N, C-alpha and C. Protein backbone atom coordinates (compact mmCIF):
# COMPACT_ATOMS: atom_id res chain seq x y z
N MET A 1 0.85 -1.19 0.00
CA MET A 1 0.00 0.00 0.00
C MET A 1 0.89 1.24 0.00
N SER A 2 0.54 2.18 -0.82
CA SER A 2 1.29 3.43 -0.89
C SER A 2 1.21 4.14 0.46
N THR A 3 2.28 4.80 0.84
CA THR A 3 2.32 5.46 2.16
C THR A 3 1.36 6.65 2.22
N THR A 4 0.86 7.13 1.08
CA THR A 4 -0.07 8.26 1.12
C THR A 4 -1.53 7.80 1.17
N VAL A 5 -1.78 6.52 0.94
CA VAL A 5 -3.16 6.03 0.94
C VAL A 5 -3.77 6.13 2.34
N LEU A 6 -3.02 5.74 3.36
CA LEU A 6 -3.49 5.87 4.75
C LEU A 6 -2.40 6.54 5.58
N THR A 7 -2.72 7.71 6.12
CA THR A 7 -1.78 8.44 6.97
C THR A 7 -2.47 8.76 8.29
N THR A 8 -1.68 9.18 9.28
CA THR A 8 -2.25 9.46 10.61
C THR A 8 -3.33 10.53 10.55
N GLU A 9 -3.23 11.47 9.60
CA GLU A 9 -4.23 12.53 9.48
C GLU A 9 -5.59 11.99 9.05
N LYS A 10 -5.60 10.79 8.51
CA LYS A 10 -6.86 10.21 8.01
C LYS A 10 -7.40 9.14 8.95
N ILE A 11 -6.92 9.16 10.19
CA ILE A 11 -7.41 8.21 11.20
C ILE A 11 -7.98 9.00 12.36
N MET A 12 -9.22 8.68 12.72
CA MET A 12 -9.84 9.31 13.88
C MET A 12 -10.07 8.24 14.94
N LEU A 13 -9.43 8.42 16.07
CA LEU A 13 -9.57 7.48 17.18
C LEU A 13 -10.69 7.94 18.10
N ASN A 14 -11.33 6.98 18.76
CA ASN A 14 -12.34 7.26 19.78
C ASN A 14 -13.46 8.20 19.34
N ALA A 15 -13.93 8.02 18.13
CA ALA A 15 -15.04 8.85 17.66
C ALA A 15 -16.32 8.41 18.36
N SER A 16 -17.18 9.37 18.61
CA SER A 16 -18.48 9.08 19.19
C SER A 16 -19.52 9.67 18.25
N VAL A 17 -20.29 8.80 17.61
CA VAL A 17 -21.30 9.26 16.66
C VAL A 17 -22.65 8.65 17.01
N ALA A 18 -23.70 9.37 16.65
CA ALA A 18 -25.05 8.90 16.98
C ALA A 18 -25.66 8.09 15.84
N THR A 19 -25.25 8.38 14.60
CA THR A 19 -25.87 7.72 13.45
C THR A 19 -24.82 7.29 12.43
N LYS A 20 -25.23 6.36 11.55
CA LYS A 20 -24.30 5.94 10.50
C LYS A 20 -24.03 7.10 9.54
N THR A 21 -24.99 7.99 9.34
CA THR A 21 -24.78 9.16 8.48
C THR A 21 -23.63 10.00 9.02
N GLU A 22 -23.64 10.22 10.33
CA GLU A 22 -22.58 10.99 10.99
C GLU A 22 -21.22 10.29 10.82
N ALA A 23 -21.22 8.97 10.97
CA ALA A 23 -19.98 8.19 10.83
C ALA A 23 -19.44 8.29 9.40
N ILE A 24 -20.33 8.17 8.41
CA ILE A 24 -19.91 8.25 7.00
C ILE A 24 -19.38 9.65 6.70
N ARG A 25 -20.06 10.68 7.23
CA ARG A 25 -19.59 12.07 7.03
C ARG A 25 -18.18 12.26 7.59
N LEU A 26 -17.93 11.71 8.79
CA LEU A 26 -16.59 11.83 9.39
C LEU A 26 -15.54 11.18 8.49
N ALA A 27 -15.83 9.96 8.02
CA ALA A 27 -14.89 9.25 7.14
C ALA A 27 -14.66 10.05 5.86
N GLY A 28 -15.73 10.61 5.33
CA GLY A 28 -15.63 11.40 4.10
C GLY A 28 -14.85 12.69 4.30
N GLU A 29 -15.12 13.38 5.40
CA GLU A 29 -14.43 14.64 5.69
C GLU A 29 -12.92 14.45 5.82
N LEU A 30 -12.51 13.32 6.40
CA LEU A 30 -11.07 13.03 6.50
C LEU A 30 -10.46 12.93 5.10
N LEU A 31 -11.19 12.35 4.17
CA LEU A 31 -10.71 12.24 2.78
C LEU A 31 -10.68 13.60 2.10
N VAL A 32 -11.68 14.45 2.41
CA VAL A 32 -11.74 15.80 1.84
C VAL A 32 -10.54 16.62 2.34
N LYS A 33 -10.32 16.60 3.66
CA LYS A 33 -9.22 17.37 4.26
C LYS A 33 -7.87 16.96 3.70
N ALA A 34 -7.73 15.67 3.37
CA ALA A 34 -6.46 15.17 2.85
C ALA A 34 -6.31 15.45 1.34
N GLY A 35 -7.36 16.01 0.73
CA GLY A 35 -7.28 16.36 -0.68
C GLY A 35 -7.54 15.21 -1.65
N HIS A 36 -8.07 14.11 -1.15
CA HIS A 36 -8.36 12.97 -2.03
C HIS A 36 -9.65 13.16 -2.83
N VAL A 37 -10.63 13.84 -2.21
CA VAL A 37 -11.95 13.98 -2.83
C VAL A 37 -12.52 15.38 -2.60
N THR A 38 -13.57 15.70 -3.36
CA THR A 38 -14.29 16.95 -3.16
C THR A 38 -15.40 16.71 -2.14
N GLU A 39 -15.99 17.82 -1.67
CA GLU A 39 -17.13 17.72 -0.73
C GLU A 39 -18.27 16.90 -1.34
N ALA A 40 -18.45 17.03 -2.66
CA ALA A 40 -19.55 16.32 -3.35
C ALA A 40 -19.42 14.81 -3.19
N TYR A 41 -18.19 14.32 -3.04
CA TYR A 41 -17.97 12.88 -2.89
C TYR A 41 -18.62 12.36 -1.61
N VAL A 42 -18.58 13.17 -0.55
CA VAL A 42 -19.17 12.76 0.73
C VAL A 42 -20.67 12.52 0.54
N GLU A 43 -21.33 13.39 -0.23
CA GLU A 43 -22.77 13.22 -0.51
C GLU A 43 -23.00 11.92 -1.28
N LYS A 44 -22.07 11.59 -2.20
CA LYS A 44 -22.20 10.36 -2.99
C LYS A 44 -21.99 9.12 -2.10
N MET A 45 -21.16 9.27 -1.06
CA MET A 45 -20.97 8.17 -0.10
C MET A 45 -22.30 7.90 0.62
N LEU A 46 -22.98 8.98 1.01
CA LEU A 46 -24.27 8.84 1.71
C LEU A 46 -25.33 8.25 0.77
N GLU A 47 -25.29 8.69 -0.49
CA GLU A 47 -26.22 8.18 -1.50
C GLU A 47 -26.01 6.67 -1.69
N ARG A 48 -24.76 6.27 -1.77
CA ARG A 48 -24.40 4.86 -1.95
C ARG A 48 -24.93 4.02 -0.79
N GLU A 49 -24.83 4.56 0.40
CA GLU A 49 -25.30 3.84 1.60
C GLU A 49 -26.81 3.61 1.55
N GLN A 50 -27.55 4.55 0.96
CA GLN A 50 -29.01 4.40 0.86
C GLN A 50 -29.38 3.31 -0.14
N LEU A 51 -28.55 3.13 -1.16
CA LEU A 51 -28.81 2.10 -2.17
C LEU A 51 -28.56 0.71 -1.62
N LEU A 52 -27.44 0.56 -0.92
CA LEU A 52 -27.03 -0.74 -0.41
C LEU A 52 -26.05 -0.52 0.73
N THR A 53 -26.27 -1.19 1.84
CA THR A 53 -25.39 -0.97 2.99
C THR A 53 -23.94 -1.33 2.66
N THR A 54 -23.03 -0.58 3.26
CA THR A 54 -21.61 -0.87 3.07
C THR A 54 -21.05 -1.62 4.28
N TYR A 55 -21.94 -2.09 5.14
CA TYR A 55 -21.53 -2.90 6.29
C TYR A 55 -21.10 -4.27 5.76
N ILE A 56 -19.86 -4.70 6.09
CA ILE A 56 -19.36 -5.97 5.54
C ILE A 56 -19.27 -7.08 6.59
N GLY A 57 -19.67 -6.78 7.83
CA GLY A 57 -19.61 -7.80 8.87
C GLY A 57 -18.44 -7.57 9.82
N SER A 58 -18.37 -8.32 10.89
CA SER A 58 -17.30 -8.22 11.90
C SER A 58 -17.12 -6.82 12.47
N GLY A 59 -18.19 -6.01 12.47
CA GLY A 59 -18.10 -4.67 13.04
C GLY A 59 -17.47 -3.64 12.12
N VAL A 60 -17.43 -3.94 10.81
CA VAL A 60 -16.75 -3.05 9.85
C VAL A 60 -17.70 -2.60 8.74
N ALA A 61 -17.63 -1.30 8.43
CA ALA A 61 -18.35 -0.74 7.27
C ALA A 61 -17.32 -0.03 6.41
N ILE A 62 -17.52 -0.11 5.09
CA ILE A 62 -16.56 0.52 4.17
C ILE A 62 -17.30 1.44 3.18
N PRO A 63 -17.75 2.60 3.68
CA PRO A 63 -18.48 3.52 2.80
C PRO A 63 -17.59 4.06 1.68
N HIS A 64 -18.20 4.16 0.49
CA HIS A 64 -17.50 4.71 -0.67
C HIS A 64 -18.56 5.31 -1.58
N GLY A 65 -18.13 6.03 -2.59
CA GLY A 65 -19.07 6.73 -3.47
C GLY A 65 -19.75 5.83 -4.46
N THR A 66 -20.69 6.41 -5.18
CA THR A 66 -21.39 5.70 -6.26
C THR A 66 -20.50 5.71 -7.51
N ASN A 67 -20.89 4.96 -8.53
CA ASN A 67 -20.14 4.96 -9.79
C ASN A 67 -20.07 6.35 -10.40
N GLU A 68 -21.12 7.15 -10.19
CA GLU A 68 -21.15 8.51 -10.75
C GLU A 68 -20.21 9.47 -10.02
N SER A 69 -19.61 9.05 -8.93
CA SER A 69 -18.79 9.96 -8.13
C SER A 69 -17.32 9.97 -8.53
N LYS A 70 -16.96 9.21 -9.55
CA LYS A 70 -15.54 9.09 -9.94
C LYS A 70 -14.86 10.44 -10.18
N GLN A 71 -15.60 11.40 -10.81
CA GLN A 71 -14.98 12.69 -11.12
C GLN A 71 -14.70 13.53 -9.87
N GLU A 72 -15.25 13.09 -8.73
CA GLU A 72 -15.03 13.82 -7.47
C GLU A 72 -13.75 13.35 -6.77
N ILE A 73 -13.10 12.32 -7.32
CA ILE A 73 -11.91 11.74 -6.70
C ILE A 73 -10.65 12.30 -7.35
N GLN A 74 -9.77 12.90 -6.52
CA GLN A 74 -8.52 13.45 -7.04
C GLN A 74 -7.36 12.48 -6.90
N SER A 75 -7.40 11.65 -5.87
CA SER A 75 -6.35 10.66 -5.67
C SER A 75 -6.88 9.55 -4.76
N THR A 76 -6.20 8.42 -4.76
CA THR A 76 -6.63 7.27 -3.97
C THR A 76 -6.24 7.45 -2.50
N GLY A 77 -7.21 7.17 -1.63
CA GLY A 77 -6.93 7.25 -0.20
C GLY A 77 -7.99 6.53 0.60
N ILE A 78 -7.64 6.17 1.82
CA ILE A 78 -8.64 5.60 2.73
C ILE A 78 -8.56 6.34 4.07
N SER A 79 -9.70 6.37 4.75
CA SER A 79 -9.74 6.96 6.08
C SER A 79 -10.30 5.90 7.02
N VAL A 80 -9.92 6.01 8.29
CA VAL A 80 -10.41 5.05 9.29
C VAL A 80 -10.99 5.83 10.46
N VAL A 81 -12.25 5.53 10.77
CA VAL A 81 -12.89 6.13 11.94
C VAL A 81 -13.16 4.99 12.92
N GLN A 82 -12.53 5.08 14.07
CA GLN A 82 -12.66 4.07 15.13
C GLN A 82 -13.78 4.53 16.07
N ILE A 83 -14.79 3.69 16.23
CA ILE A 83 -15.95 4.03 17.06
C ILE A 83 -16.09 2.96 18.15
N PRO A 84 -15.37 3.12 19.26
CA PRO A 84 -15.33 2.08 20.30
C PRO A 84 -16.70 1.63 20.81
N HIS A 85 -17.68 2.54 20.87
CA HIS A 85 -18.99 2.16 21.37
C HIS A 85 -19.93 1.72 20.25
N GLY A 86 -19.43 1.82 19.02
CA GLY A 86 -20.19 1.35 17.87
C GLY A 86 -21.29 2.30 17.43
N VAL A 87 -21.76 2.07 16.19
CA VAL A 87 -22.87 2.85 15.65
C VAL A 87 -23.74 1.89 14.84
N ASP A 88 -25.04 2.08 14.95
CA ASP A 88 -25.99 1.20 14.27
C ASP A 88 -25.92 1.42 12.76
N PHE A 89 -25.64 0.37 12.01
CA PHE A 89 -25.59 0.46 10.56
C PHE A 89 -26.81 -0.20 9.93
N GLY A 90 -27.85 -0.39 10.73
CA GLY A 90 -29.09 -0.96 10.22
C GLY A 90 -29.11 -2.47 10.30
N GLU A 91 -30.30 -3.02 10.31
CA GLU A 91 -30.52 -4.47 10.33
C GLU A 91 -29.78 -5.17 11.46
N GLY A 92 -29.66 -4.48 12.60
CA GLY A 92 -29.01 -5.08 13.76
C GLY A 92 -27.49 -5.13 13.68
N ASN A 93 -26.91 -4.46 12.69
CA ASN A 93 -25.45 -4.45 12.54
C ASN A 93 -24.85 -3.23 13.21
N THR A 94 -23.81 -3.46 14.00
CA THR A 94 -23.10 -2.37 14.67
C THR A 94 -21.70 -2.27 14.09
N ALA A 95 -21.35 -1.07 13.65
CA ALA A 95 -20.00 -0.86 13.11
C ALA A 95 -19.13 -0.18 14.17
N TYR A 96 -17.94 -0.73 14.36
CA TYR A 96 -16.96 -0.15 15.28
C TYR A 96 -15.82 0.49 14.49
N LEU A 97 -15.73 0.11 13.23
CA LEU A 97 -14.74 0.68 12.31
C LEU A 97 -15.46 1.11 11.05
N VAL A 98 -15.25 2.34 10.66
CA VAL A 98 -15.81 2.84 9.40
C VAL A 98 -14.61 3.27 8.56
N ILE A 99 -14.42 2.56 7.45
CA ILE A 99 -13.26 2.79 6.60
C ILE A 99 -13.74 3.43 5.30
N GLY A 100 -13.46 4.72 5.16
CA GLY A 100 -13.86 5.45 3.96
C GLY A 100 -12.88 5.17 2.83
N ILE A 101 -13.41 4.98 1.62
CA ILE A 101 -12.56 4.65 0.48
C ILE A 101 -12.82 5.59 -0.68
N ALA A 102 -11.74 6.09 -1.26
CA ALA A 102 -11.81 6.85 -2.52
C ALA A 102 -10.67 6.30 -3.36
N ALA A 103 -10.99 5.87 -4.58
CA ALA A 103 -9.94 5.28 -5.41
C ALA A 103 -10.08 5.70 -6.86
N VAL A 104 -8.95 5.98 -7.45
CA VAL A 104 -8.89 6.35 -8.86
C VAL A 104 -8.97 5.08 -9.71
N GLY A 105 -9.74 5.14 -10.79
CA GLY A 105 -9.83 4.00 -11.71
C GLY A 105 -10.32 2.74 -11.02
N ASP A 106 -9.62 1.64 -11.26
CA ASP A 106 -10.02 0.36 -10.67
C ASP A 106 -9.27 0.04 -9.39
N GLU A 107 -8.53 1.01 -8.84
CA GLU A 107 -7.75 0.77 -7.61
C GLU A 107 -8.65 0.38 -6.45
N HIS A 108 -9.94 0.77 -6.50
CA HIS A 108 -10.83 0.45 -5.38
C HIS A 108 -11.02 -1.06 -5.23
N LEU A 109 -10.93 -1.80 -6.33
CA LEU A 109 -11.10 -3.25 -6.24
C LEU A 109 -10.00 -3.88 -5.39
N GLU A 110 -8.78 -3.44 -5.62
CA GLU A 110 -7.64 -3.95 -4.85
C GLU A 110 -7.76 -3.52 -3.38
N ILE A 111 -8.12 -2.27 -3.16
CA ILE A 111 -8.25 -1.77 -1.79
C ILE A 111 -9.36 -2.50 -1.05
N LEU A 112 -10.52 -2.65 -1.69
CA LEU A 112 -11.64 -3.36 -1.05
C LEU A 112 -11.24 -4.79 -0.72
N SER A 113 -10.54 -5.43 -1.66
CA SER A 113 -10.11 -6.81 -1.46
C SER A 113 -9.15 -6.89 -0.26
N ASN A 114 -8.19 -5.98 -0.20
CA ASN A 114 -7.22 -5.98 0.92
C ASN A 114 -7.91 -5.73 2.26
N ILE A 115 -8.84 -4.78 2.28
CA ILE A 115 -9.55 -4.47 3.52
C ILE A 115 -10.38 -5.69 3.94
N ALA A 116 -11.04 -6.33 2.98
CA ALA A 116 -11.85 -7.51 3.30
C ALA A 116 -10.99 -8.63 3.88
N ILE A 117 -9.79 -8.81 3.31
CA ILE A 117 -8.88 -9.86 3.81
C ILE A 117 -8.44 -9.54 5.24
N ILE A 118 -8.02 -8.29 5.46
CA ILE A 118 -7.58 -7.88 6.81
C ILE A 118 -8.72 -8.02 7.81
N CYS A 119 -9.92 -7.56 7.43
CA CYS A 119 -11.05 -7.54 8.35
C CYS A 119 -11.75 -8.88 8.48
N SER A 120 -11.36 -9.86 7.66
CA SER A 120 -11.97 -11.18 7.80
C SER A 120 -11.42 -11.88 9.04
N GLU A 121 -10.30 -11.39 9.55
CA GLU A 121 -9.72 -11.94 10.78
C GLU A 121 -10.18 -11.10 11.95
N GLU A 122 -11.01 -11.69 12.80
CA GLU A 122 -11.55 -10.94 13.93
C GLU A 122 -10.46 -10.34 14.81
N GLU A 123 -9.34 -11.03 14.90
CA GLU A 123 -8.21 -10.55 15.71
C GLU A 123 -7.71 -9.20 15.17
N ASN A 124 -7.65 -9.06 13.85
CA ASN A 124 -7.22 -7.80 13.23
C ASN A 124 -8.21 -6.68 13.52
N VAL A 125 -9.49 -6.98 13.38
CA VAL A 125 -10.52 -5.97 13.64
C VAL A 125 -10.42 -5.51 15.10
N LYS A 126 -10.26 -6.47 16.00
CA LYS A 126 -10.14 -6.17 17.43
C LYS A 126 -8.93 -5.25 17.67
N ARG A 127 -7.81 -5.54 16.99
CA ARG A 127 -6.61 -4.72 17.15
C ARG A 127 -6.84 -3.28 16.71
N VAL A 128 -7.58 -3.10 15.62
CA VAL A 128 -7.86 -1.74 15.13
C VAL A 128 -8.84 -1.03 16.06
N ILE A 129 -9.87 -1.75 16.51
CA ILE A 129 -10.87 -1.14 17.42
C ILE A 129 -10.22 -0.72 18.73
N GLU A 130 -9.24 -1.50 19.19
CA GLU A 130 -8.60 -1.22 20.49
C GLU A 130 -7.35 -0.36 20.38
N ALA A 131 -6.92 -0.04 19.16
CA ALA A 131 -5.69 0.73 18.97
C ALA A 131 -5.80 2.10 19.66
N THR A 132 -4.71 2.51 20.27
CA THR A 132 -4.69 3.82 20.93
C THR A 132 -3.82 4.82 20.16
N ARG A 133 -3.17 4.32 19.11
CA ARG A 133 -2.32 5.20 18.28
C ARG A 133 -2.61 4.95 16.81
N ALA A 134 -2.70 6.03 16.05
CA ALA A 134 -2.96 5.92 14.61
C ALA A 134 -1.87 5.08 13.94
N GLU A 135 -0.64 5.20 14.42
CA GLU A 135 0.49 4.47 13.82
C GLU A 135 0.29 2.95 13.90
N ASP A 136 -0.37 2.49 14.97
CA ASP A 136 -0.63 1.05 15.12
C ASP A 136 -1.61 0.56 14.05
N ILE A 137 -2.59 1.40 13.73
CA ILE A 137 -3.57 1.06 12.70
C ILE A 137 -2.89 1.01 11.34
N ILE A 138 -2.04 1.99 11.07
CA ILE A 138 -1.32 2.02 9.79
C ILE A 138 -0.44 0.76 9.66
N ALA A 139 0.24 0.41 10.72
CA ALA A 139 1.11 -0.77 10.70
C ALA A 139 0.32 -2.03 10.36
N LEU A 140 -0.86 -2.18 10.94
CA LEU A 140 -1.69 -3.35 10.68
C LEU A 140 -2.13 -3.39 9.21
N PHE A 141 -2.55 -2.24 8.67
CA PHE A 141 -2.97 -2.20 7.28
C PHE A 141 -1.80 -2.44 6.33
N GLU A 142 -0.63 -1.94 6.68
CA GLU A 142 0.54 -2.16 5.82
C GLU A 142 0.97 -3.61 5.82
N GLU A 143 0.80 -4.28 6.95
CA GLU A 143 1.09 -5.72 7.04
C GLU A 143 0.22 -6.49 6.06
N GLY A 144 -1.05 -6.11 5.98
CA GLY A 144 -2.00 -6.85 5.18
C GLY A 144 -2.06 -6.45 3.72
N MET A 145 -1.41 -5.36 3.36
CA MET A 145 -1.54 -4.89 1.96
C MET A 145 -0.23 -5.01 1.19
């Protein structure tokens, strides 16, 4: 994984959110601040969530934009929002990690695949949920990518 895809500035530890919309906005805003996407991309992330949940299981959601949002992406990046108390993602699913994704071209397929592999191990998810330093989260993702 490129060192610019996930940086400490794109990791929010101990977030407390009331709704999945708030969680997705936080993940999106981290991508906006880092210059990966425009503000419009965050709206497309919310739109995508209404079409089909981005909750993938094991306490993880991976919100990303719709197919029409490609022009809002300036560079590939991911953000991680750690929500220790969890947030309801619908249908009885609670997300403790919300990983925002913005990818140029087909890079999202590789990123989604890597995230799914890392998050398929409950031990890895637990490590990210319990991490107290952004650097520890980056190290875990770099191990898996």
